[in-house]
Amino acid sequence: MNAALEWATGLDPSWLLAALLVALNLWATWLIVLSAAPVREKVLWVMVIFLCPIVGPVLWFVFGPKRSMLES
């Protein structure tokens, strides 16, 4: 247990932030691919996410097509 704690406290915060950003971008891209939006919209949203990796996923979650909670 002590070794795991030492390993976790020794991580560089910038690597953790980068990993979180990559995970967020992949998740948003996956949701775009699974959405019912037209292919043209999907391509544009994926381009936005990869060209603006910090703001892109936020824009998708705010302005992207919405699914009803009952559809899931």
Protein backbone atom coordinates (compact mmCIF):
# COMPACT_ATOMS: atom_id res chain seq x y z
CA MET A 1 0.00 0.00 0.00
CA ASN A 2 2.82 2.38 0.85
CA ALA A 3 4.49 1.80 -2.54
CA ALA A 4 1.27 2.70 -4.37
CA LEU A 5 0.94 5.90 -2.34
CA GLU A 6 4.53 6.88 -3.07
CA TRP A 7 4.01 6.20 -6.77
CA ALA A 8 0.80 8.27 -6.87
CA THR A 9 2.34 11.23 -5.07
CA GLY A 10 5.36 11.16 -7.37
CA LEU A 11 3.32 11.67 -10.55
CA ASP A 12 3.76 14.90 -12.43
CA PRO A 13 0.47 16.87 -12.46
CA SER A 14 0.94 17.88 -16.09
CA TRP A 15 0.93 14.19 -17.13
CA LEU A 16 -2.28 13.61 -15.18
CA LEU A 17 -3.90 16.62 -16.83
CA ALA A 18 -2.77 15.44 -20.27
CA ALA A 19 -4.16 11.95 -19.63
CA LEU A 20 -7.47 13.44 -18.47
CA LEU A 21 -7.62 15.62 -21.59
CA VAL A 22 -6.96 12.64 -23.89
CA ALA A 23 -9.64 10.60 -22.12
CA LEU A 24 -12.14 13.47 -22.42
CA ASN A 25 -11.39 13.88 -26.15
CA LEU A 26 -11.74 10.15 -26.80
CA TRP A 27 -15.00 10.00 -24.86
CA ALA A 28 -16.46 12.98 -26.74
CA THR A 29 -15.34 11.49 -30.06
CA TRP A 30 -16.97 8.16 -29.17
CA LEU A 31 -20.23 9.92 -28.29
CA ILE A 32 -20.11 11.78 -31.59
CA VAL A 33 -19.61 8.57 -33.55
CA LEU A 34 -22.54 6.93 -31.75
CA SER A 35 -24.85 9.93 -32.18
CA ALA A 36 -27.67 10.06 -34.69
CA ALA A 37 -26.28 13.26 -36.25
CA PRO A 38 -25.63 13.36 -39.99
CA VAL A 39 -22.14 12.27 -41.09
CA ARG A 40 -21.19 15.81 -42.11
CA GLU A 41 -21.94 17.09 -38.59
CA LYS A 42 -20.01 14.22 -37.04
CA VAL A 43 -16.94 14.99 -39.14
CA LEU A 44 -17.12 18.69 -38.28
CA TRP A 45 -17.47 17.98 -34.55
CA VAL A 46 -14.54 15.55 -34.58
CA MET A 47 -12.45 18.18 -36.37
CA VAL A 48 -13.40 20.76 -33.74
CA ILE A 49 -12.39 18.39 -30.97
CA PHE A 50 -9.02 17.57 -32.48
CA LEU A 51 -8.22 21.15 -33.55
CA CYS A 52 -9.30 22.60 -30.19
CA PRO A 53 -8.60 19.78 -27.73
CA ILE A 54 -9.39 21.78 -24.61
CA VAL A 55 -12.45 23.72 -25.75
CA GLY A 56 -13.75 21.21 -28.35
CA PRO A 57 -15.25 18.63 -25.98
CA VAL A 58 -16.85 21.38 -23.90
CA LEU A 59 -18.44 22.85 -27.04
CA TRP A 60 -19.71 19.40 -28.01
CA PHE A 61 -21.31 18.77 -24.62
CA VAL A 62 -22.93 22.23 -24.65
CA PHE A 63 -23.96 22.63 -28.30
CA GLY A 64 -23.94 19.10 -29.71
CA PRO A 65 -27.07 17.07 -30.40
CA LYS A 66 -28.92 16.15 -27.22
CA ARG A 67 -30.29 12.74 -26.32
CA SER A 68 -33.25 12.35 -24.09
CA MET A 69 -32.54 10.64 -20.78
CA LEU A 70 -35.32 8.18 -21.62
CA GLU A 71 -33.58 7.00 -24.81
CA SER A 72 -30.58 5.54 -23.01
